[in-house]
Amino acid sequence: MSDLQTEAKTLEDQFTSAIADAETLDALEQVRVAALGKKGRVSELMKGLGKMSPEERKEAGPLLNGLKTRIADAITARQAMLHEAALEVQLEQERVDVTLPVAAAPAEQGRIHPNSQVMDEIVAIFADMGFDVKEGPDIETDEYNFTALNIPPEHPARQMHDTFYFHEQEDGSRLLLRTHTSPVQVRTMRSEKPPHRFIAPGRTFRCDSDQTHTPMFHQVEGMVIDETTHMGHLRWTLEEFARAYFEVDSVEMRFRPSYFPFTEPSMEVDIRCDRSGKDVKIGQGDDWMEILGCGMVNPNVLSASGLDPEVYQGFAFGIGIDRLAMLKYGAPDLRAFFDGDLRWLKHYGFSALDVPSLYGGLSR
């Protein structure tokens, strides 16, 4: 065996072993460069063919070309094996269990506060009845919050222990945080011509705090003013609202005489319910639960709002949104509504995609 044959055999054994030992594609590439690169061992031998005689090239050419081909084929085969092994590792690392629940998108992870959801439910119900939605400022004047609503100066609601007042102004008057959304009624009647049919949801403020009262809470006022509206319309409106809101076929209501300065006559409204179990069931049972106050608009309020009480009449009602949310969705403590506890919100909150509608269902 010639020296060239011996050297070719040695190189083939050396590089075949190096190829088999290569565990990564980078290591395999280093072997390829060392053997077949521009300055590789086999390439250097191939360069020597030009210095040989025709007889020597006739023997050395097939020998070196065969060596080059076998090493290249071995590298290609090993490269395919390493690619397959790398793919198996990647597939194992990226394995997905398709039987698991789909990960929630950000829009599905967020939660709508029960107060916001119930407010949207109320708007959906009354919008279906033809009511507009009106808004007013949280900071009100004594005129809009009390005087125009026929609340006398000596009324307890005007006292410091019930109302949040700001500092006295230069003219002696004081601004305050509205204690109810009723000022929106006066603002609407003074700024727009009758007939009126609207609700006014929003925040209200009073000096009170316990399990069922908080310093800031939410109310919705409703008002209808025209020349013919009477208490029969009021009763039907409230019954339809309660039936739609609690999503029951029918509700039984009880109207009790009461007193509110801005309505005459005034009434507290109870609904029949069952409190025997953990949750209150509406529309059945032998218990009664108060849910709102209402009445025919006091003529003094109409006059203070620029309407002639000899021509116009109507009704108004007020509902606590927070308490409606507690009653419908089983939250036991009103204070938790404003604690900002994400665990509570995750439990009682609603999906951002759960938009209430009468045809699609108000609640989840």
Foldseek 3Di string as FASTA:
>chain_A
DDPLLVVLVVVLVVLLVQLVPDQAPVSLVVSCCCDPNCPHPLNVVVVCLVVDDPVVCVVVVVSSVVSVVVSVVSSVVSVVVNVVVVVVVVCVVPPDDVVDDDDDDPLQQDFDFLLVLLVLLLCQQLVVVVAAEFEDDQKAWCCLQAVLLQHDPPHPCNDPQWWAWDDADPVRTIITGRQARNSRVLVPLQPDPDQHWYKYKDKGATNDDDQPDDRIFIKMKTKGKFQDADVVVVVVSVFSSVCLSLVHPGKDKDWDFDDDSFAPRKTWIKIDWDPPDLAIGTRDDDDIDTFWMKHKGDQSSCVSSPHHPVGMIIMMIMGTSLVSSCRRQVDRGSVVSPPPDVVVRSVSTDRSPQRAHSVVHSHD
